[in-house]
Each structure stands twice: as structure tokens, then as C-alpha cells.
């Protein structure tokens, strides 16, 4: 049983760079062949075991590669935008701090006068 997959035609993409749609090309995958030899199985298991040892390093490499790609997509602010956002954070922090201070003073006064 053949499996059909479609992939983009690379030669068409090179000819027409402004084209957004790639032409589908039909490819056929070969069915998997099972090995029956015992020596092949032992070698295959050894290779799998060796690959499992390096799996964390490959995962770590993929992580750093993906992180680098994400950082390249970030639109970094210029100096003026950075100062504006910093000032906004400072003002907002002071406003929230003042609100919490006033609520704390009001509740303290309320509890001291009317409850105790």
C-alpha cells in the first residue's frame, strides 16, 4: 500500500519569488521493510540506545534554537518608548501603593475606633 504525500515544488518557488502558492507535487513513500535477521536487530537496539543517551542534548539544542528564533521576531522598543513605559510603570506603582496605604489607614482607623 503506497502512501501519497504532497510537497511544494522547489523549482517553481525559485522561478517566481512573488508567488505565494506552491504547486503540489505528488510523491509516493515506500512501505517499511521489516528486518528478520537477529544481528541486524542487535545493532539496531544498540543504535537506539546510543540515540537515547543524546536525546536530552538534542532537546536542549532545539530549545535554544527555538528561543533564538523567537527573540529575532521581537520588536524591541527604542529609547523614547522605553523611558515612556518605565515612567508609566513608576506612576502606576506609586498610585497603587498610595491606594493601598490609604485603605490600610482607613481600615486601621475604623477598627480602632468602632471595633475595639
N, C-alpha and C. Protein backbone atom coordinates (compact mmCIF):
# COMPACT_ATOMS: atom_id res chain seq x y z
N UNK A 1 0.84 -1.17 0.00
CA UNK A 1 0.00 0.00 0.00
C UNK A 1 0.89 1.24 0.00
N UNK A 2 0.71 2.11 -0.94
CA UNK A 2 1.53 3.30 -1.07
C UNK A 2 0.87 4.48 -0.36
N UNK A 3 1.69 5.30 0.24
CA UNK A 3 1.21 6.50 0.92
C UNK A 3 1.56 7.69 0.03
N UNK A 4 0.59 8.51 -0.26
CA UNK A 4 0.81 9.67 -1.12
C UNK A 4 0.94 10.92 -0.26
N UNK A 5 1.98 11.67 -0.53
CA UNK A 5 2.19 12.93 0.17
C UNK A 5 2.41 14.02 -0.86
N UNK A 6 2.05 15.23 -0.50
CA UNK A 6 2.24 16.35 -1.39
C UNK A 6 3.25 17.31 -0.76
N UNK A 7 4.17 17.79 -1.56
CA UNK A 7 5.12 18.77 -1.07
C UNK A 7 5.27 19.87 -2.11
N UNK A 8 5.79 21.01 -1.65
CA UNK A 8 5.93 22.16 -2.53
C UNK A 8 7.03 21.90 -3.54
N UNK A 9 6.82 22.35 -4.77
CA UNK A 9 7.80 22.22 -5.83
C UNK A 9 8.84 23.32 -5.65
N UNK A 10 10.08 22.97 -5.32
CA UNK A 10 11.11 23.95 -5.03
C UNK A 10 11.52 24.72 -6.28
N UNK A 11 11.51 24.09 -7.45
CA UNK A 11 11.92 24.78 -8.66
C UNK A 11 10.93 25.88 -9.02
N UNK A 12 9.65 25.67 -8.75
CA UNK A 12 8.65 26.68 -9.04
C UNK A 12 8.79 27.86 -8.09
N UNK A 13 9.18 27.60 -6.86
CA UNK A 13 9.36 28.68 -5.89
C UNK A 13 10.56 29.54 -6.26
N UNK A 14 11.61 28.94 -6.84
CA UNK A 14 12.78 29.70 -7.24
C UNK A 14 12.48 30.58 -8.44
N UNK A 15 11.68 30.09 -9.39
CA UNK A 15 11.38 30.85 -10.60
C UNK A 15 10.52 32.07 -10.32
N UNK A 16 9.53 31.92 -9.46
CA UNK A 16 8.60 33.00 -9.20
C UNK A 16 8.59 33.29 -7.70
N UNK A 17 9.42 34.23 -7.26
CA UNK A 17 9.56 34.51 -5.84
C UNK A 17 8.31 35.17 -5.27
N UNK A 18 7.61 35.97 -6.06
CA UNK A 18 6.44 36.68 -5.57
C UNK A 18 5.23 35.78 -5.43
N UNK A 19 5.31 34.56 -5.96
CA UNK A 19 4.19 33.63 -5.88
C UNK A 19 4.02 33.15 -4.44
N UNK A 20 2.78 33.20 -3.94
CA UNK A 20 2.54 32.76 -2.56
C UNK A 20 2.07 31.32 -2.50
N UNK A 21 1.54 30.79 -3.60
CA UNK A 21 1.05 29.42 -3.61
C UNK A 21 2.08 28.53 -4.30
N UNK A 22 2.40 27.42 -3.65
CA UNK A 22 3.32 26.45 -4.25
C UNK A 22 2.51 25.39 -4.98
N UNK A 23 3.05 24.92 -6.08
CA UNK A 23 2.37 23.89 -6.84
C UNK A 23 2.57 22.54 -6.16
N UNK A 24 1.51 21.77 -5.94
CA UNK A 24 1.67 20.47 -5.29
C UNK A 24 2.30 19.46 -6.24
N UNK A 25 3.22 18.67 -5.70
CA UNK A 25 3.86 17.61 -6.45
C UNK A 25 3.57 16.30 -5.73
N UNK A 26 3.06 15.32 -6.44
CA UNK A 26 2.69 14.06 -5.82
C UNK A 26 3.93 13.18 -5.67
N UNK A 27 4.15 12.70 -4.46
CA UNK A 27 5.26 11.79 -4.20
C UNK A 27 4.70 10.52 -3.57
N UNK A 28 5.41 9.45 -3.73
CA UNK A 28 4.96 8.18 -3.18
C UNK A 28 6.02 7.67 -2.22
N UNK A 29 5.61 7.33 -1.00
CA UNK A 29 6.52 6.80 0.00
C UNK A 29 6.55 5.28 -0.12
N UNK A 30 7.75 4.72 0.08
CA UNK A 30 7.90 3.27 0.03
C UNK A 30 7.43 2.66 1.34
N UNK A 31 6.80 1.50 1.29
CA UNK A 31 6.39 0.85 2.54
C UNK A 31 7.61 0.40 3.33
N UNK A 32 7.45 0.37 4.66
CA UNK A 32 8.54 -0.02 5.53
C UNK A 32 8.83 -1.50 5.39
N UNK A 33 10.13 -1.85 5.39
CA UNK A 33 10.55 -3.24 5.27
C UNK A 33 11.02 -3.71 6.63
N UNK A 34 10.51 -4.86 7.08
CA UNK A 34 10.89 -5.39 8.38
C UNK A 34 12.16 -6.23 8.23
N UNK A 35 13.07 -6.06 9.21
CA UNK A 35 14.29 -6.86 9.22
C UNK A 35 14.02 -8.14 10.01
N UNK A 36 14.50 -9.25 9.49
CA UNK A 36 14.29 -10.51 10.18
C UNK A 36 15.59 -11.07 10.75
N UNK A 37 16.72 -10.50 10.38
CA UNK A 37 18.00 -11.02 10.87
C UNK A 37 18.22 -10.59 12.31
N UNK A 38 18.72 -11.50 13.15
CA UNK A 38 18.94 -11.20 14.55
C UNK A 38 20.12 -10.27 14.74
N UNK A 39 21.14 -10.36 13.91
CA UNK A 39 22.29 -9.47 14.04
C UNK A 39 21.88 -8.03 13.76
N UNK A 40 21.01 -7.85 12.81
CA UNK A 40 20.52 -6.50 12.50
C UNK A 40 19.73 -5.93 13.65
N UNK A 41 18.97 -6.77 14.36
CA UNK A 41 18.18 -6.32 15.49
C UNK A 41 19.08 -5.86 16.64
N UNK A 42 20.18 -6.59 16.88
CA UNK A 42 21.09 -6.22 17.96
C UNK A 42 21.76 -4.89 17.65
N UNK A 43 22.16 -4.72 16.41
CA UNK A 43 22.80 -3.46 16.02
C UNK A 43 21.81 -2.31 16.11
N UNK A 44 20.58 -2.59 15.70
CA UNK A 44 19.55 -1.56 15.74
C UNK A 44 19.25 -1.15 17.18
N UNK A 45 19.19 -2.10 18.10
CA UNK A 45 18.95 -1.79 19.51
C UNK A 45 20.10 -0.97 20.09
N UNK A 46 21.33 -1.30 19.69
CA UNK A 46 22.48 -0.56 20.18
C UNK A 46 22.44 0.88 19.68
N UNK A 47 22.08 1.06 18.43
CA UNK A 47 21.97 2.41 17.87
C UNK A 47 20.88 3.19 18.59
N UNK A 48 19.73 2.55 18.85
CA UNK A 48 18.64 3.21 19.56
C UNK A 48 19.07 3.63 20.96
N UNK A 49 19.83 2.75 21.64
CA UNK A 49 20.30 3.05 22.98
C UNK A 49 21.25 4.25 22.95
N UNK A 50 22.13 4.29 21.96
CA UNK A 50 23.04 5.42 21.83
C UNK A 50 22.28 6.71 21.54
N UNK A 51 21.23 6.61 20.73
CA UNK A 51 20.45 7.79 20.41
C UNK A 51 19.70 8.30 21.63
N UNK A 52 19.26 7.39 22.52
CA UNK A 52 18.55 7.80 23.73
C UNK A 52 19.47 8.57 24.67
N UNK A 53 20.75 8.23 24.66
CA UNK A 53 21.71 8.93 25.52
C UNK A 53 21.82 10.39 25.12
N UNK A 54 21.80 10.66 23.82
CA UNK A 54 21.97 12.02 23.33
C UNK A 54 20.66 12.79 23.19
N UNK A 55 19.54 12.18 23.51
CA UNK A 55 18.23 12.83 23.37
C UNK A 55 18.11 14.12 24.18
N UNK A 56 18.56 14.16 25.45
CA UNK A 56 18.44 15.42 26.20
C UNK A 56 19.25 16.56 25.57
N UNK A 57 20.40 16.23 25.00
CA UNK A 57 21.23 17.25 24.37
C UNK A 57 20.58 17.78 23.09
N UNK A 58 19.94 16.89 22.34
CA UNK A 58 19.22 17.33 21.14
C UNK A 58 18.04 18.21 21.53
N UNK A 59 17.33 17.83 22.59
CA UNK A 59 16.19 18.62 23.05
C UNK A 59 16.66 20.00 23.52
N UNK A 60 17.78 20.04 24.22
CA UNK A 60 18.32 21.32 24.69
C UNK A 60 18.73 22.18 23.50
N UNK A 61 19.32 21.58 22.50
CA UNK A 61 19.69 22.32 21.29
C UNK A 61 18.48 22.88 20.58
N UNK A 62 17.40 22.07 20.48
CA UNK A 62 16.16 22.56 19.85
C UNK A 62 15.56 23.71 20.64
N UNK A 63 15.66 23.63 21.98
CA UNK A 63 15.14 24.69 22.83
C UNK A 63 15.86 26.01 22.56
N UNK A 64 17.20 25.96 22.55
CA UNK A 64 17.97 27.18 22.33
C UNK A 64 17.75 27.72 20.92
N UNK A 65 17.63 26.85 19.94
CA UNK A 65 17.39 27.29 18.57
C UNK A 65 16.02 27.98 18.47
N UNK A 66 14.99 27.38 19.07
CA UNK A 66 13.66 27.97 19.06
C UNK A 66 13.62 29.29 19.81
N UNK A 67 14.33 29.36 20.94
CA UNK A 67 14.38 30.61 21.71
C UNK A 67 15.03 31.72 20.90
N UNK A 68 16.11 31.39 20.19
CA UNK A 68 16.80 32.38 19.38
C UNK A 68 15.89 32.88 18.26
N UNK A 69 15.15 31.97 17.64
CA UNK A 69 14.23 32.36 16.57
C UNK A 69 13.12 33.27 17.10
N UNK A 70 12.63 33.00 18.29
CA UNK A 70 11.60 33.85 18.88
C UNK A 70 12.15 35.24 19.22
N UNK A 71 13.38 35.28 19.74
CA UNK A 71 13.98 36.57 20.08
C UNK A 71 14.21 37.43 18.85
N UNK A 72 14.47 36.80 17.72
CA UNK A 72 14.67 37.56 16.48
C UNK A 72 13.36 38.15 15.97
N UNK A 73 12.23 37.63 16.41
CA UNK A 73 10.93 38.14 15.96
C UNK A 73 10.41 39.27 16.85
N UNK A 74 11.07 39.51 17.97
CA UNK A 74 10.62 40.54 18.91
C UNK A 74 10.88 41.93 18.31
N UNK A 75 9.91 42.81 18.44
CA UNK A 75 10.08 44.20 18.02
C UNK A 75 10.51 44.98 19.26
N UNK A 76 11.81 45.29 19.35
CA UNK A 76 12.35 45.93 20.53
C UNK A 76 12.04 47.42 20.51
N UNK A 77 11.68 48.02 21.67
CA UNK A 77 11.37 49.45 21.71
C UNK A 77 12.64 50.30 21.61
N UNK A 78 12.47 51.53 21.12
CA UNK A 78 13.62 52.44 21.08
C UNK A 78 13.75 53.12 22.44
N UNK A 79 14.71 54.03 22.57
CA UNK A 79 14.98 54.65 23.87
C UNK A 79 13.78 55.47 24.37
N UNK A 80 13.14 56.22 23.49
CA UNK A 80 12.00 57.06 23.88
C UNK A 80 10.84 56.20 24.39
N UNK A 81 10.53 55.11 23.70
CA UNK A 81 9.45 54.22 24.12
C UNK A 81 9.79 53.55 25.45
N UNK A 82 11.06 53.20 25.63
CA UNK A 82 11.49 52.55 26.88
C UNK A 82 11.29 53.48 28.06
N UNK A 83 11.69 54.76 27.92
CA UNK A 83 11.52 55.71 29.01
C UNK A 83 10.04 55.97 29.30
N UNK A 84 9.22 56.04 28.24
CA UNK A 84 7.78 56.26 28.43
C UNK A 84 7.16 55.10 29.19
N UNK A 85 7.52 53.88 28.84
CA UNK A 85 6.96 52.71 29.54
C UNK A 85 7.47 52.63 30.98
N UNK A 86 8.75 52.99 31.19
CA UNK A 86 9.30 52.98 32.55
C UNK A 86 8.59 54.00 33.42
N UNK A 87 8.36 55.19 32.88
CA UNK A 87 7.64 56.22 33.62
C UNK A 87 6.21 55.78 33.94
N UNK A 88 5.56 55.13 33.00
CA UNK A 88 4.19 54.64 33.23
C UNK A 88 4.17 53.61 34.36
N UNK A 89 5.15 52.72 34.39
CA UNK A 89 5.22 51.71 35.45
C UNK A 89 5.44 52.37 36.81
N UNK A 90 6.33 53.36 36.86
CA UNK A 90 6.60 54.05 38.13
C UNK A 90 5.35 54.77 38.62
N UNK A 91 4.67 55.50 37.74
CA UNK A 91 3.46 56.22 38.13
C UNK A 91 2.37 55.27 38.59
N UNK A 92 2.17 54.18 37.86
CA UNK A 92 1.15 53.20 38.23
C UNK A 92 1.49 52.57 39.59
N UNK A 93 2.76 52.24 39.81
CA UNK A 93 3.17 51.63 41.09
C UNK A 93 2.92 52.60 42.25
N UNK A 94 3.25 53.87 42.06
CA UNK A 94 3.01 54.86 43.10
C UNK A 94 1.51 55.03 43.38
N UNK A 95 0.70 55.03 42.33
CA UNK A 95 -0.75 55.17 42.51
C UNK A 95 -1.33 53.98 43.28
N UNK A 96 -0.93 52.77 42.91
CA UNK A 96 -1.43 51.59 43.61
C UNK A 96 -0.92 51.57 45.05
N UNK A 97 0.35 51.94 45.26
CA UNK A 97 0.89 52.00 46.62
C UNK A 97 0.16 53.00 47.49
N UNK A 98 -0.16 54.16 46.92
CA UNK A 98 -0.91 55.18 47.65
C UNK A 98 -2.31 54.67 47.99
N UNK A 99 -2.97 54.01 47.03
CA UNK A 99 -4.31 53.46 47.28
C UNK A 99 -4.29 52.44 48.41
N UNK A 100 -3.31 51.54 48.38
CA UNK A 100 -3.20 50.53 49.44
C UNK A 100 -2.92 51.19 50.80
N UNK A 101 -2.04 52.21 50.81
CA UNK A 101 -1.74 52.92 52.06
C UNK A 101 -3.00 53.59 52.63
N UNK A 102 -3.77 54.26 51.77
CA UNK A 102 -5.00 54.93 52.24
C UNK A 102 -6.03 53.93 52.74
N UNK A 103 -6.20 52.81 52.04
CA UNK A 103 -7.14 51.78 52.51
C UNK A 103 -6.69 51.20 53.84
N UNK A 104 -5.39 50.96 53.99
CA UNK A 104 -4.85 50.42 55.24
C UNK A 104 -5.09 51.40 56.38
N UNK A 105 -4.85 52.69 56.15
CA UNK A 105 -5.05 53.70 57.20
C UNK A 105 -6.54 53.81 57.56
N UNK A 106 -7.41 53.75 56.55
CA UNK A 106 -8.85 53.84 56.82
C UNK A 106 -9.34 52.64 57.62
N UNK A 107 -8.92 51.44 57.25
CA UNK A 107 -9.36 50.25 58.00
C UNK A 107 -8.77 50.22 59.41
N UNK A 108 -7.55 50.70 59.56
CA UNK A 108 -6.94 50.76 60.90
C UNK A 108 -7.73 51.71 61.79
N UNK A 109 -8.06 52.87 61.25
CA UNK A 109 -8.85 53.84 62.00
C UNK A 109 -10.22 53.28 62.33
N UNK A 110 -10.84 52.63 61.36
CA UNK A 110 -12.17 52.03 61.56
C UNK A 110 -12.15 50.98 62.66
N UNK A 111 -11.19 50.11 62.64
CA UNK A 111 -11.13 49.03 63.65
C UNK A 111 -10.78 49.57 65.03
N UNK A 112 -9.91 50.57 65.10
CA UNK A 112 -9.52 51.10 66.41
C UNK A 112 -10.66 51.89 67.04
N UNK A 113 -11.41 52.64 66.28
CA UNK A 113 -12.48 53.48 66.83
C UNK A 113 -13.75 52.72 67.14
N UNK A 114 -14.16 51.85 66.20
CA UNK A 114 -15.51 51.27 66.34
C UNK A 114 -15.52 49.82 66.80
N UNK A 115 -14.48 49.07 66.55
CA UNK A 115 -14.50 47.67 66.90
C UNK A 115 -13.88 47.44 68.28
N UNK A 116 -12.75 48.04 68.59
CA UNK A 116 -12.10 47.80 69.87
C UNK A 116 -12.41 48.84 70.86
